[in-house]
Structure formats: C-alpha cells, structure tokens
Amino acid sequence: MTGNETDRARGVYGISVAAELVGTGVQNLRAYEARGLLEPDRTDGGTRRYSADDLDRLRRIGDLLEAGL
C-alpha cells in the first residue's frame, strides 16, 4: 500500500462524525456493521473508528438503497 492508501484505510472518524459526513443515522451504521457490510477499526477501548474508505462504502450503500436495493 502506498502512503495515501494507508491514510484512506486508517480509522479516524467517530461514529457520530461518520454518520453526519455520509448523511445517515448512527443506528444505520451499527446496523450495517451487524449485517457485515463494513467493519470499522476499533480503539483499545472498543470505540468504532471509520476511515475514508469506510465513508466511501457507506455512501455506496446509501446510493444502492436509494436505487431500491
């Protein structure tokens, strides 16, 4: 992986920030994780951390849902 790819994969956003950035609710992010659609990083304390790649995936999920899938 290049440096940029590594940066995109690093979890830096908390769940509420990630939800706001993609325009969905926190509960949706938890549901998507429970269904295996994404797997955010976790801190040592168990807090979810979403990466730029995760945000892209969440936007794609939103697009697919809007399209009726």
N, C-alpha and C. Protein backbone atom coordinates (compact mmCIF):
# COMPACT_ATOMS: atom_id res chain seq x y z
N MET A 1 0.82 -1.18 0.00
CA MET A 1 0.00 0.00 0.00
C MET A 1 0.87 1.24 0.00
N THR A 2 0.42 2.23 -0.73
CA THR A 2 1.13 3.50 -0.72
C THR A 2 0.70 4.29 0.50
N GLY A 3 1.37 5.37 0.76
CA GLY A 3 1.04 6.21 1.91
C GLY A 3 -0.38 6.73 1.85
N ASN A 4 -0.85 7.14 0.66
CA ASN A 4 -2.20 7.66 0.52
C ASN A 4 -3.24 6.57 0.78
N GLU A 5 -2.98 5.35 0.29
CA GLU A 5 -3.91 4.25 0.52
C GLU A 5 -3.96 3.90 2.01
N THR A 6 -2.82 3.96 2.67
CA THR A 6 -2.77 3.69 4.09
C THR A 6 -3.58 4.73 4.85
N ASP A 7 -3.45 6.00 4.47
CA ASP A 7 -4.21 7.07 5.12
C ASP A 7 -5.70 6.87 4.94
N ARG A 8 -6.14 6.45 3.76
CA ARG A 8 -7.56 6.26 3.48
C ARG A 8 -8.14 5.08 4.27
N ALA A 9 -7.30 4.13 4.63
CA ALA A 9 -7.76 2.94 5.35
C ALA A 9 -7.70 3.11 6.87
N ARG A 10 -7.07 4.16 7.33
CA ARG A 10 -6.91 4.36 8.78
C ARG A 10 -8.18 4.95 9.38
N GLY A 11 -8.70 4.31 10.41
CA GLY A 11 -9.91 4.79 11.07
C GLY A 11 -9.65 6.02 11.90
N VAL A 12 -10.29 7.12 11.54
CA VAL A 12 -10.07 8.37 12.26
C VAL A 12 -11.37 9.04 12.71
N TYR A 13 -12.50 8.68 12.10
CA TYR A 13 -13.76 9.35 12.40
C TYR A 13 -14.58 8.54 13.40
N GLY A 14 -15.09 9.21 14.41
CA GLY A 14 -16.01 8.57 15.34
C GLY A 14 -17.34 8.30 14.65
N ILE A 15 -18.19 7.51 15.28
CA ILE A 15 -19.42 7.08 14.64
C ILE A 15 -20.36 8.25 14.35
N SER A 16 -20.46 9.21 15.25
CA SER A 16 -21.38 10.33 15.00
C SER A 16 -20.87 11.22 13.88
N VAL A 17 -19.58 11.42 13.80
CA VAL A 17 -19.00 12.22 12.71
C VAL A 17 -19.17 11.49 11.38
N ALA A 18 -18.90 10.19 11.37
CA ALA A 18 -19.06 9.40 10.14
C ALA A 18 -20.50 9.45 9.65
N ALA A 19 -21.45 9.29 10.56
CA ALA A 19 -22.86 9.33 10.19
C ALA A 19 -23.23 10.69 9.60
N GLU A 20 -22.75 11.75 10.21
CA GLU A 20 -23.04 13.09 9.71
C GLU A 20 -22.42 13.31 8.33
N LEU A 21 -21.19 12.86 8.15
CA LEU A 21 -20.50 13.06 6.87
C LEU A 21 -21.18 12.34 5.71
N VAL A 22 -21.82 11.20 5.98
CA VAL A 22 -22.48 10.46 4.90
C VAL A 22 -23.99 10.70 4.86
N GLY A 23 -24.50 11.46 5.83
CA GLY A 23 -25.91 11.82 5.82
C GLY A 23 -26.86 10.71 6.25
N THR A 24 -26.47 9.96 7.26
CA THR A 24 -27.33 8.89 7.77
C THR A 24 -27.29 8.92 9.29
N GLY A 25 -28.03 8.03 9.91
CA GLY A 25 -28.06 7.97 11.36
C GLY A 25 -27.04 7.00 11.92
N VAL A 26 -26.67 7.23 13.16
CA VAL A 26 -25.72 6.37 13.86
C VAL A 26 -26.25 4.94 13.90
N GLN A 27 -27.56 4.79 14.12
CA GLN A 27 -28.15 3.45 14.21
C GLN A 27 -28.00 2.70 12.90
N ASN A 28 -28.01 3.40 11.76
CA ASN A 28 -27.80 2.75 10.47
C ASN A 28 -26.38 2.20 10.37
N LEU A 29 -25.41 2.95 10.83
CA LEU A 29 -24.03 2.47 10.79
C LEU A 29 -23.88 1.21 11.63
N ARG A 30 -24.50 1.19 12.78
CA ARG A 30 -24.45 -0.01 13.62
C ARG A 30 -25.13 -1.19 12.93
N ALA A 31 -26.25 -0.92 12.28
CA ALA A 31 -26.98 -2.00 11.57
C ALA A 31 -26.16 -2.53 10.40
N TYR A 32 -25.51 -1.66 9.65
CA TYR A 32 -24.68 -2.11 8.53
C TYR A 32 -23.52 -2.97 9.02
N GLU A 33 -22.95 -2.57 10.15
CA GLU A 33 -21.86 -3.38 10.72
C GLU A 33 -22.39 -4.74 11.17
N ALA A 34 -23.56 -4.76 11.82
CA ALA A 34 -24.14 -6.02 12.29
C ALA A 34 -24.44 -6.96 11.13
N ARG A 35 -24.74 -6.39 9.96
CA ARG A 35 -25.04 -7.20 8.77
C ARG A 35 -23.78 -7.55 7.97
N GLY A 36 -22.63 -7.10 8.46
CA GLY A 36 -21.38 -7.45 7.81
C GLY A 36 -21.04 -6.62 6.59
N LEU A 37 -21.68 -5.46 6.44
CA LEU A 37 -21.42 -4.62 5.27
C LEU A 37 -20.16 -3.78 5.42
N LEU A 38 -19.71 -3.57 6.63
CA LEU A 38 -18.44 -2.90 6.87
C LEU A 38 -17.93 -3.27 8.25
N GLU A 39 -16.66 -3.07 8.45
CA GLU A 39 -16.02 -3.41 9.71
C GLU A 39 -15.05 -2.29 10.09
N PRO A 40 -15.55 -1.30 10.84
CA PRO A 40 -14.68 -0.19 11.22
C PRO A 40 -13.58 -0.64 12.18
N ASP A 41 -12.50 0.12 12.21
CA ASP A 41 -11.46 -0.12 13.19
C ASP A 41 -12.04 0.11 14.57
N ARG A 42 -11.36 -0.41 15.58
CA ARG A 42 -11.76 -0.19 16.98
C ARG A 42 -10.55 0.28 17.77
N THR A 43 -10.80 1.20 18.68
CA THR A 43 -9.74 1.61 19.60
C THR A 43 -9.56 0.50 20.63
N ASP A 44 -8.54 0.61 21.46
CA ASP A 44 -8.33 -0.36 22.53
C ASP A 44 -9.54 -0.44 23.46
N GLY A 45 -10.25 0.67 23.59
CA GLY A 45 -11.44 0.72 24.44
C GLY A 45 -12.71 0.25 23.74
N GLY A 46 -12.61 -0.07 22.45
CA GLY A 46 -13.75 -0.59 21.71
C GLY A 46 -14.54 0.44 20.93
N THR A 47 -14.09 1.69 20.90
CA THR A 47 -14.79 2.72 20.15
C THR A 47 -14.57 2.53 18.66
N ARG A 48 -15.64 2.62 17.89
CA ARG A 48 -15.54 2.49 16.43
C ARG A 48 -14.81 3.70 15.85
N ARG A 49 -13.97 3.43 14.85
CA ARG A 49 -13.27 4.48 14.11
C ARG A 49 -13.41 4.18 12.62
N TYR A 50 -14.03 5.09 11.91
CA TYR A 50 -14.29 4.91 10.48
C TYR A 50 -13.23 5.61 9.65
N SER A 51 -12.83 4.97 8.56
CA SER A 51 -11.82 5.51 7.65
C SER A 51 -12.49 6.18 6.46
N ALA A 52 -11.70 6.85 5.64
CA ALA A 52 -12.22 7.44 4.40
C ALA A 52 -12.77 6.34 3.49
N ASP A 53 -12.12 5.18 3.49
CA ASP A 53 -12.63 4.04 2.71
C ASP A 53 -13.99 3.59 3.23
N ASP A 54 -14.15 3.56 4.55
CA ASP A 54 -15.44 3.21 5.14
C ASP A 54 -16.52 4.21 4.72
N LEU A 55 -16.17 5.49 4.72
CA LEU A 55 -17.13 6.51 4.32
C LEU A 55 -17.55 6.32 2.86
N ASP A 56 -16.60 5.99 1.99
CA ASP A 56 -16.94 5.70 0.59
C ASP A 56 -17.91 4.53 0.51
N ARG A 57 -17.66 3.49 1.28
CA ARG A 57 -18.53 2.31 1.29
C ARG A 57 -19.92 2.68 1.80
N LEU A 58 -19.98 3.50 2.83
CA LEU A 58 -21.27 3.93 3.37
C LEU A 58 -22.06 4.75 2.35
N ARG A 59 -21.36 5.60 1.62
CA ARG A 59 -22.04 6.38 0.57
C ARG A 59 -22.58 5.46 -0.52
N ARG A 60 -21.81 4.44 -0.85
CA ARG A 60 -22.26 3.46 -1.87
C ARG A 60 -23.48 2.69 -1.36
N ILE A 61 -23.48 2.31 -0.11
CA ILE A 61 -24.64 1.63 0.48
C ILE A 61 -25.86 2.54 0.36
N GLY A 62 -25.69 3.81 0.71
CA GLY A 62 -26.79 4.77 0.60
C GLY A 62 -27.30 4.89 -0.82
N ASP A 63 -26.40 4.95 -1.78
CA ASP A 63 -26.79 5.03 -3.20
C ASP A 63 -27.59 3.80 -3.61
N LEU A 64 -27.15 2.64 -3.19
CA LEU A 64 -27.84 1.40 -3.54
C LEU A 64 -29.23 1.34 -2.90
N LEU A 65 -29.33 1.80 -1.67
CA LEU A 65 -30.63 1.82 -1.01
C LEU A 65 -31.59 2.78 -1.71
N GLU A 66 -31.07 3.94 -2.11
CA GLU A 66 -31.89 4.91 -2.85
C GLU A 66 -32.37 4.34 -4.18
N ALA A 67 -31.54 3.47 -4.78
CA ALA A 67 -31.89 2.87 -6.06
C ALA A 67 -32.87 1.71 -5.90
N GLY A 68 -33.21 1.38 -4.65
CA GLY A 68 -34.21 0.35 -4.42
C GLY A 68 -33.69 -1.02 -4.06
N LEU A 69 -32.42 -1.16 -3.85
CA LEU A 69 -31.88 -2.46 -3.45
C LEU A 69 -32.10 -2.72 -1.97
